[in-house]
Amino acid sequence: ALKKSTGLPVWIHTHDTAGIGASTYVAAMNA
């Protein structure tokens, strides 16, 4: 959604506090 609305590069920053950060990164990079 952000790449479509902005036309800009998108980075993502998270913490693995709840144990889902790594899987979130996999999904984000593949998107």
Full PDB file with SEQRES, HELIX, SHEET, SSBOND, CRYST1, ORIGX, SCALE, CONECT and MASTER records, all heavy atoms in Angstrom:
SEQRES   1 A   31  ALA LEU LYS LYS SER THR GLY LEU PRO VAL TRP ILE HIS          
SEQRES   2 A   31  THR HIS ASP THR ALA GLY ILE GLY ALA SER THR TYR VAL          
SEQRES   3 A   31  ALA ALA MET ASN ALA                                          
HELIX    1 AA1 LEU A    2  THR A    6  1                                   5    
HELIX    2 AA2 GLY A   21  ASN A   30  1                                  10    
CRYST1    1.000    1.000    1.000  90.00  90.00  90.00 P 1           1          
ORIGX1      1.000000  0.000000  0.000000        0.00000                         
ORIGX2      0.000000  1.000000  0.000000        0.00000                         
ORIGX3      0.000000  0.000000  1.000000        0.00000                         
SCALE1      1.000000  0.000000  0.000000        0.00000                         
SCALE2      0.000000  1.000000  0.000000        0.00000                         
SCALE3      0.000000  0.000000  1.000000        0.00000                         
ATOM      1  N   ALA A   1       0.828  -1.215   0.000  1.00  0.00           N  
ATOM      2  CA  ALA A   1       0.000   0.000   0.000  1.00  0.00           C  
ATOM      3  C   ALA A   1       0.858   1.260   0.000  1.00  0.00           C  
ATOM      4  O   ALA A   1       0.566   2.230  -0.713  1.00  0.00           O  
ATOM      5  CB  ALA A   1      -0.925  -0.006   1.214  1.00  0.00           C  
ATOM      6  N   LEU A   2       1.943   1.255   0.782  1.00  0.00           N  
ATOM      7  CA  LEU A   2       2.798   2.440   0.867  1.00  0.00           C  
ATOM      8  C   LEU A   2       3.590   2.662  -0.419  1.00  0.00           C  
ATOM      9  O   LEU A   2       3.765   3.801  -0.859  1.00  0.00           O  
ATOM     10  CB  LEU A   2       3.741   2.316   2.062  1.00  0.00           C  
ATOM     11  CG  LEU A   2       3.100   2.532   3.436  1.00  0.00           C  
ATOM     12  CD1 LEU A   2       4.057   2.133   4.549  1.00  0.00           C  
ATOM     13  CD2 LEU A   2       2.660   3.986   3.605  1.00  0.00           C  
ATOM     14  N   LYS A   3       4.061   1.590  -1.016  1.00  0.00           N  
ATOM     15  CA  LYS A   3       4.790   1.744  -2.278  1.00  0.00           C  
ATOM     16  C   LYS A   3       3.857   2.281  -3.367  1.00  0.00           C  
ATOM     17  O   LYS A   3       4.266   3.096  -4.205  1.00  0.00           O  
ATOM     18  CB  LYS A   3       5.428   0.409  -2.693  1.00  0.00           C  
ATOM     19  CG  LYS A   3       6.586  -0.017  -1.795  1.00  0.00           C  
ATOM     20  CD  LYS A   3       7.193  -1.345  -2.221  1.00  0.00           C  
ATOM     21  CE  LYS A   3       8.151  -1.194  -3.381  1.00  0.00           C  
ATOM     22  NZ  LYS A   3       9.447  -0.617  -2.978  1.00  0.00           N  
ATOM     23  N   LYS A   4       2.606   1.850  -3.325  1.00  0.00           N  
ATOM     24  CA  LYS A   4       1.646   2.317  -4.315  1.00  0.00           C  
ATOM     25  C   LYS A   4       1.271   3.781  -4.083  1.00  0.00           C  
ATOM     26  O   LYS A   4       1.179   4.575  -5.031  1.00  0.00           O  
ATOM     27  CB  LYS A   4       0.393   1.443  -4.271  1.00  0.00           C  
ATOM     28  CG  LYS A   4      -0.669   1.833  -5.289  1.00  0.00           C  
ATOM     29  CD  LYS A   4      -1.883   0.899  -5.212  1.00  0.00           C  
ATOM     30  CE  LYS A   4      -2.943   1.291  -6.231  1.00  0.00           C  
ATOM     31  NZ  LYS A   4      -4.127   0.397  -6.163  1.00  0.00           N  
ATOM     32  N   SER A   5       1.057   4.164  -2.818  1.00  0.00           N  
ATOM     33  CA  SER A   5       0.585   5.525  -2.532  1.00  0.00           C  
ATOM     34  C   SER A   5       1.699   6.565  -2.621  1.00  0.00           C  
ATOM     35  O   SER A   5       1.426   7.746  -2.870  1.00  0.00           O  
ATOM     36  CB  SER A   5      -0.058   5.590  -1.139  1.00  0.00           C  
ATOM     37  OG  SER A   5       0.899   5.423  -0.108  1.00  0.00           O  
ATOM     38  N   THR A   6       2.963   6.141  -2.408  1.00  0.00           N  
ATOM     39  CA  THR A   6       4.062   7.110  -2.366  1.00  0.00           C  
ATOM     40  C   THR A   6       5.018   7.018  -3.549  1.00  0.00           C  
ATOM     41  O   THR A   6       5.658   8.012  -3.905  1.00  0.00           O  
ATOM     42  CB  THR A   6       4.889   6.937  -1.083  1.00  0.00           C  
ATOM     43  OG1 THR A   6       5.599   5.672  -1.124  1.00  0.00           O  
ATOM     44  CG2 THR A   6       4.008   6.983   0.148  1.00  0.00           C  
ATOM     45  N   GLY A   7       5.150   5.839  -4.154  1.00  0.00           N  
ATOM     46  CA  GLY A   7       6.137   5.647  -5.212  1.00  0.00           C  
ATOM     47  C   GLY A   7       7.562   5.709  -4.700  1.00  0.00           C  
ATOM     48  O   GLY A   7       8.515   5.852  -5.485  1.00  0.00           O  
ATOM     49  N   LEU A   8       7.753   5.559  -3.377  1.00  0.00           N  
ATOM     50  CA  LEU A   8       9.079   5.657  -2.764  1.00  0.00           C  
ATOM     51  C   LEU A   8       9.556   4.306  -2.252  1.00  0.00           C  
ATOM     52  O   LEU A   8       8.754   3.397  -2.033  1.00  0.00           O  
ATOM     53  CB  LEU A   8       9.027   6.643  -1.585  1.00  0.00           C  
ATOM     54  CG  LEU A   8       8.719   8.103  -1.898  1.00  0.00           C  
ATOM     55  CD1 LEU A   8       8.595   8.901  -0.594  1.00  0.00           C  
ATOM     56  CD2 LEU A   8       9.809   8.702  -2.789  1.00  0.00           C  
ATOM     57  N   PRO A   9      10.864   4.170  -2.019  1.00  0.00           N  
ATOM     58  CA  PRO A   9      11.366   2.966  -1.346  1.00  0.00           C  
ATOM     59  C   PRO A   9      10.745   2.846   0.044  1.00  0.00           C  
ATOM     60  O   PRO A   9      10.469   3.866   0.696  1.00  0.00           O  
ATOM     61  CB  PRO A   9      12.874   3.206  -1.248  1.00  0.00           C  
ATOM     62  CG  PRO A   9      13.176   4.237  -2.276  1.00  0.00           C  
ATOM     63  CD  PRO A   9      11.951   5.100  -2.381  1.00  0.00           C  
ATOM     64  N   VAL A  10      10.541   1.626   0.481  1.00  0.00           N  
ATOM     65  CA  VAL A  10       9.952   1.385   1.799  1.00  0.00           C  
ATOM     66  C   VAL A  10      10.875   0.480   2.608  1.00  0.00           C  
ATOM     67  O   VAL A  10      11.266  -0.594   2.149  1.00  0.00           O  
ATOM     68  CB  VAL A  10       8.550   0.737   1.684  1.00  0.00           C  
ATOM     69  CG1 VAL A  10       8.018   0.347   3.066  1.00  0.00           C  
ATOM     70  CG2 VAL A  10       7.583   1.700   0.999  1.00  0.00           C  
ATOM     71  N   TRP A  11      11.235   0.944   3.789  1.00  0.00           N  
ATOM     72  CA  TRP A  11      12.025   0.153   4.735  1.00  0.00           C  
ATOM     73  C   TRP A  11      11.091  -0.310   5.844  1.00  0.00           C  
ATOM     74  O   TRP A  11      10.011   0.241   6.037  1.00  0.00           O  
ATOM     75  CB  TRP A  11      13.136   0.994   5.371  1.00  0.00           C  
ATOM     76  CG  TRP A  11      14.210   1.457   4.440  1.00  0.00           C  
ATOM     77  CD1 TRP A  11      14.243   1.392   3.074  1.00  0.00           C  
ATOM     78  CD2 TRP A  11      15.439   2.086   4.832  1.00  0.00           C  
ATOM     79  NE1 TRP A  11      15.398   1.934   2.597  1.00  0.00           N  
ATOM     80  CE2 TRP A  11      16.160   2.369   3.652  1.00  0.00           C  
ATOM     81  CE3 TRP A  11      16.001   2.442   6.052  1.00  0.00           C  
ATOM     82  CZ2 TRP A  11      17.406   2.978   3.660  1.00  0.00           C  
ATOM     83  CZ3 TRP A  11      17.248   3.050   6.069  1.00  0.00           C  
ATOM     84  CH2 TRP A  11      17.942   3.307   4.891  1.00  0.00           C  
ATOM     85  N   ILE A  12      11.510  -1.322   6.570  1.00  0.00           N  
ATOM     86  CA  ILE A  12      10.708  -1.741   7.719  1.00  0.00           C  
ATOM     87  C   ILE A  12      11.631  -2.021   8.901  1.00  0.00           C  
ATOM     88  O   ILE A  12      12.711  -2.604   8.756  1.00  0.00           O  
ATOM     89  CB  ILE A  12       9.806  -2.959   7.398  1.00  0.00           C  
ATOM     90  CG1 ILE A  12       8.940  -3.327   8.611  1.00  0.00           C  
ATOM     91  CG2 ILE A  12      10.600  -4.135   6.908  1.00  0.00           C  
ATOM     92  CD1 ILE A  12       7.795  -4.282   8.289  1.00  0.00           C  
ATOM     93  N   HIS A  13      11.188  -1.558  10.052  1.00  0.00           N  
ATOM     94  CA  HIS A  13      11.928  -1.705  11.308  1.00  0.00           C  
ATOM     95  C   HIS A  13      10.999  -2.349  12.319  1.00  0.00           C  
ATOM     96  O   HIS A  13       9.876  -1.875  12.535  1.00  0.00           O  
ATOM     97  CB  HIS A  13      12.368  -0.318  11.795  1.00  0.00           C  
ATOM     98  CG  HIS A  13      12.884  -0.297  13.206  1.00  0.00           C  
ATOM     99  ND1 HIS A  13      14.218  -0.344  13.508  1.00  0.00           N  
ATOM    100  CD2 HIS A  13      12.237  -0.214  14.398  1.00  0.00           C  
ATOM    101  CE1 HIS A  13      14.386  -0.288  14.814  1.00  0.00           C  
ATOM    102  NE2 HIS A  13      13.191  -0.216  15.383  1.00  0.00           N  
ATOM    103  N   THR A  14      11.444  -3.420  12.962  1.00  0.00           N  
ATOM    104  CA  THR A  14      10.636  -4.030  14.008  1.00  0.00           C  
ATOM    105  C   THR A  14      11.550  -4.542  15.112  1.00  0.00           C  
ATOM    106  O   THR A  14      12.774  -4.438  15.042  1.00  0.00           O  
ATOM    107  CB  THR A  14       9.749  -5.163  13.455  1.00  0.00           C  
ATOM    108  OG1 THR A  14       8.762  -5.507  14.442  1.00  0.00           O  
ATOM    109  CG2 THR A  14      10.555  -6.403  13.106  1.00  0.00           C  
ATOM    110  N   HIS A  15      10.935  -5.066  16.146  1.00  0.00           N  
ATOM    111  CA  HIS A  15      11.631  -5.710  17.260  1.00  0.00           C  
ATOM    112  C   HIS A  15      11.066  -7.114  17.374  1.00  0.00           C  
ATOM    113  O   HIS A  15       9.900  -7.350  17.045  1.00  0.00           O  
ATOM    114  CB  HIS A  15      11.405  -4.942  18.560  1.00  0.00           C  
ATOM    115  CG  HIS A  15      11.971  -3.549  18.542  1.00  0.00           C  
ATOM    116  ND1 HIS A  15      13.053  -3.170  19.301  1.00  0.00           N  
ATOM    117  CD2 HIS A  15      11.614  -2.440  17.848  1.00  0.00           C  
ATOM    118  CE1 HIS A  15      13.332  -1.892  19.078  1.00  0.00           C  
ATOM    119  NE2 HIS A  15      12.469  -1.430  18.194  1.00  0.00           N  
ATOM    120  N   ASP A  16      11.870  -8.049  17.855  1.00  0.00           N  
ATOM    121  CA  ASP A  16      11.399  -9.427  17.931  1.00  0.00           C  
ATOM    122  C   ASP A  16      10.839  -9.750  19.305  1.00  0.00           C  
ATOM    123  O   ASP A  16      10.826 -10.907  19.733  1.00  0.00           O  
ATOM    124  CB  ASP A  16      12.541 -10.396  17.583  1.00  0.00           C  
ATOM    125  CG  ASP A  16      12.034 -11.637  16.869  1.00  0.00           C  
ATOM    126  OD1 ASP A  16      10.904 -11.618  16.351  1.00  0.00           O  
ATOM    127  OD2 ASP A  16      12.765 -12.642  16.844  1.00  0.00           O  
ATOM    128  N   THR A  17      10.346  -8.744  19.988  1.00  0.00           N  
ATOM    129  CA  THR A  17       9.831  -8.872  21.344  1.00  0.00           C  
ATOM    130  C   THR A  17       8.790  -9.982  21.463  1.00  0.00           C  
ATOM    131  O   THR A  17       8.834 -10.798  22.384  1.00  0.00           O  
ATOM    132  CB  THR A  17       9.200  -7.543  21.789  1.00  0.00           C  
ATOM    133  OG1 THR A  17      10.074  -6.471  21.452  1.00  0.00           O  
ATOM    134  CG2 THR A  17       8.940  -7.534  23.279  1.00  0.00           C  
ATOM    135  N   ALA A  18       7.846 -10.000  20.545  1.00  0.00           N  
ATOM    136  CA  ALA A  18       6.759 -10.972  20.603  1.00  0.00           C  
ATOM    137  C   ALA A  18       7.056 -12.238  19.799  1.00  0.00           C  
ATOM    138  O   ALA A  18       6.212 -13.127  19.699  1.00  0.00           O  
ATOM    139  CB  ALA A  18       5.464 -10.334  20.102  1.00  0.00           C  
ATOM    140  N   GLY A  19       8.237 -12.308  19.184  1.00  0.00           N  
ATOM    141  CA  GLY A  19       8.633 -13.503  18.457  1.00  0.00           C  
ATOM    142  C   GLY A  19       8.180 -13.576  17.020  1.00  0.00           C  
ATOM    143  O   GLY A  19       8.387 -14.593  16.355  1.00  0.00           O  
ATOM    144  N   ILE A  20       7.564 -12.486  16.497  1.00  0.00           N  
ATOM    145  CA  ILE A  20       7.069 -12.525  15.121  1.00  0.00           C  
ATOM    146  C   ILE A  20       7.882 -11.640  14.180  1.00  0.00           C  
ATOM    147  O   ILE A  20       7.597 -11.580  12.986  1.00  0.00           O  
ATOM    148  CB  ILE A  20       5.576 -12.129  15.044  1.00  0.00           C  
ATOM    149  CG1 ILE A  20       5.363 -10.674  15.498  1.00  0.00           C  
ATOM    150  CG2 ILE A  20       4.724 -13.075  15.867  1.00  0.00           C  
ATOM    151  CD1 ILE A  20       3.932 -10.192  15.302  1.00  0.00           C  
ATOM    152  N   GLY A  21       8.906 -10.960  14.707  1.00  0.00           N  
ATOM    153  CA  GLY A  21       9.658 -10.014  13.895  1.00  0.00           C  
ATOM    154  C   GLY A  21      10.315 -10.625  12.670  1.00  0.00           C  
ATOM    155  O   GLY A  21      10.267 -10.054  11.575  1.00  0.00           O  
ATOM    156  N   ALA A  22      10.940 -11.776  12.843  1.00  0.00           N  
ATOM    157  CA  ALA A  22      11.654 -12.404  11.726  1.00  0.00           C  
ATOM    158  C   ALA A  22      10.688 -12.819  10.616  1.00  0.00           C  
ATOM    159  O   ALA A  22      10.949 -12.605   9.434  1.00  0.00           O  
ATOM    160  CB  ALA A  22      12.456 -13.604  12.219  1.00  0.00           C  
ATOM    161  N   SER A  23       9.559 -13.422  10.978  1.00  0.00           N  
ATOM    162  CA  SER A  23       8.584 -13.831   9.961  1.00  0.00           C  
ATOM    163  C   SER A  23       7.951 -12.610   9.298  1.00  0.00           C  
ATOM    164  O   SER A  23       7.629 -12.636   8.105  1.00  0.00           O  
ATOM    165  CB  SER A  23       7.508 -14.731  10.582  1.00  0.00           C  
ATOM    166  OG  SER A  23       6.899 -14.112  11.699  1.00  0.00           O  
ATOM    167  N   THR A  24       7.806 -11.542  10.052  1.00  0.00           N  
ATOM    168  CA  THR A  24       7.297 -10.293   9.481  1.00  0.00           C  
ATOM    169  C   THR A  24       8.258  -9.767   8.427  1.00  0.00           C  
ATOM    170  O   THR A  24       7.835  -9.312   7.351  1.00  0.00           O  
ATOM    171  CB  THR A  24       7.100  -9.251  10.597  1.00  0.00           C  
ATOM    172  OG1 THR A  24       5.990  -9.662  11.403  1.00  0.00           O  
ATOM    173  CG2 THR A  24       6.831  -7.864  10.029  1.00  0.00           C  
ATOM    174  N   TYR A  25       9.552  -9.831   8.697  1.00  0.00           N  
ATOM    175  CA  TYR A  25      10.555  -9.387   7.728  1.00  0.00           C  
ATOM    176  C   TYR A  25      10.505 -10.224   6.448  1.00  0.00           C  
ATOM    177  O   TYR A  25      10.612  -9.697   5.334  1.00  0.00           O  
ATOM    178  CB  TYR A  25      11.949  -9.467   8.332  1.00  0.00           C  
ATOM    179  CG  TYR A  25      12.364  -8.265   9.152  1.00  0.00           C  
ATOM    180  CD1 TYR A  25      13.535  -8.314   9.905  1.00  0.00           C  
ATOM    181  CD2 TYR A  25      11.621  -7.092   9.177  1.00  0.00           C  
ATOM    182  CE1 TYR A  25      13.955  -7.223  10.663  1.00  0.00           C  
ATOM    183  CE2 TYR A  25      12.023  -6.004   9.922  1.00  0.00           C  
ATOM    184  CZ  TYR A  25      13.195  -6.068  10.669  1.00  0.00           C  
ATOM    185  OH  TYR A  25      13.608  -4.993  11.402  1.00  0.00           O  
ATOM    186  N   VAL A  26      10.360 -11.530   6.595  1.00  0.00           N  
ATOM    187  CA  VAL A  26      10.285 -12.403   5.413  1.00  0.00           C  
ATOM    188  C   VAL A  26       9.115 -11.983   4.529  1.00  0.00           C  
ATOM    189  O   VAL A  26       9.257 -11.822   3.307  1.00  0.00           O  
ATOM    190  CB  VAL A  26      10.148 -13.879   5.828  1.00  0.00           C  
ATOM    191  CG1 VAL A  26       9.854 -14.760   4.606  1.00  0.00           C  
ATOM    192  CG2 VAL A  26      11.416 -14.361   6.527  1.00  0.00           C  
ATOM    193  N   ALA A  27       7.956 -11.783   5.149  1.00  0.00           N  
ATOM    194  CA  ALA A  27       6.770 -11.391   4.385  1.00  0.00           C  
ATOM    195  C   ALA A  27       6.952 -10.014   3.755  1.00  0.00           C  
ATOM    196  O   ALA A  27       6.567  -9.790   2.599  1.00  0.00           O  
ATOM    197  CB  ALA A  27       5.545 -11.394   5.300  1.00  0.00           C  
ATOM    198  N   ALA A  28       7.546  -9.088   4.497  1.00  0.00           N  
ATOM    199  CA  ALA A  28       7.726  -7.726   3.989  1.00  0.00           C  
ATOM    200  C   ALA A  28       8.685  -7.687   2.810  1.00  0.00           C  
ATOM    201  O   ALA A  28       8.430  -7.015   1.798  1.00  0.00           O  
ATOM    202  CB  ALA A  28       8.230  -6.817   5.113  1.00  0.00           C  
ATOM    203  N   MET A  29       9.801  -8.413   2.911  1.00  0.00           N  
ATOM    204  CA  MET A  29      10.771  -8.428   1.803  1.00  0.00           C  
ATOM    205  C   MET A  29      10.180  -9.083   0.570  1.00  0.00           C  
ATOM    206  O   MET A  29      10.380  -8.616  -0.561  1.00  0.00           O  
ATOM    207  CB  MET A  29      12.059  -9.129   2.243  1.00  0.00           C  
ATOM    208  CG  MET A  29      12.938  -8.259   3.134  1.00  0.00           C  
ATOM    209  SD  MET A  29      14.582  -8.972   3.472  1.00  0.00           S  
ATOM    210  CE  MET A  29      14.189 -10.042   4.851  1.00  0.00           C  
ATOM    211  N   ASN A  30       9.426 -10.136   0.765  1.00  0.00           N  
ATOM    212  CA  ASN A  30       8.801 -10.808  -0.372  1.00  0.00           C  
ATOM    213  C   ASN A  30       7.680  -9.976  -0.990  1.00  0.00           C  
ATOM    214  O   ASN A  30       7.265 -10.234  -2.127  1.00  0.00           O  
ATOM    215  CB  ASN A  30       8.273 -12.182   0.048  1.00  0.00           C  
ATOM    216  CG  ASN A  30       9.383 -13.198   0.226  1.00  0.00           C  
ATOM    217  OD1 ASN A  30      10.434 -13.092  -0.401  1.00  0.00           O  
ATOM    218  ND2 ASN A  30       9.180 -14.166   1.107  1.00  0.00           N  
ATOM    219  N   ALA A  31       7.214  -8.976  -0.244  1.00  0.00           N  
ATOM    220  CA  ALA A  31       6.195  -8.059  -0.785  1.00  0.00           C  
ATOM    221  C   ALA A  31       6.826  -6.835  -1.432  1.00  0.00           C  
ATOM    222  O   ALA A  31       6.111  -5.984  -1.960  1.00  0.00           O  
ATOM    223  CB  ALA A  31       5.243  -7.626   0.327  1.00  0.00           C  
TER     224      ALA A  31                                                      
MASTER        0    0    0    2    0    0    0    6  223    1    0    3          
END                                                                             
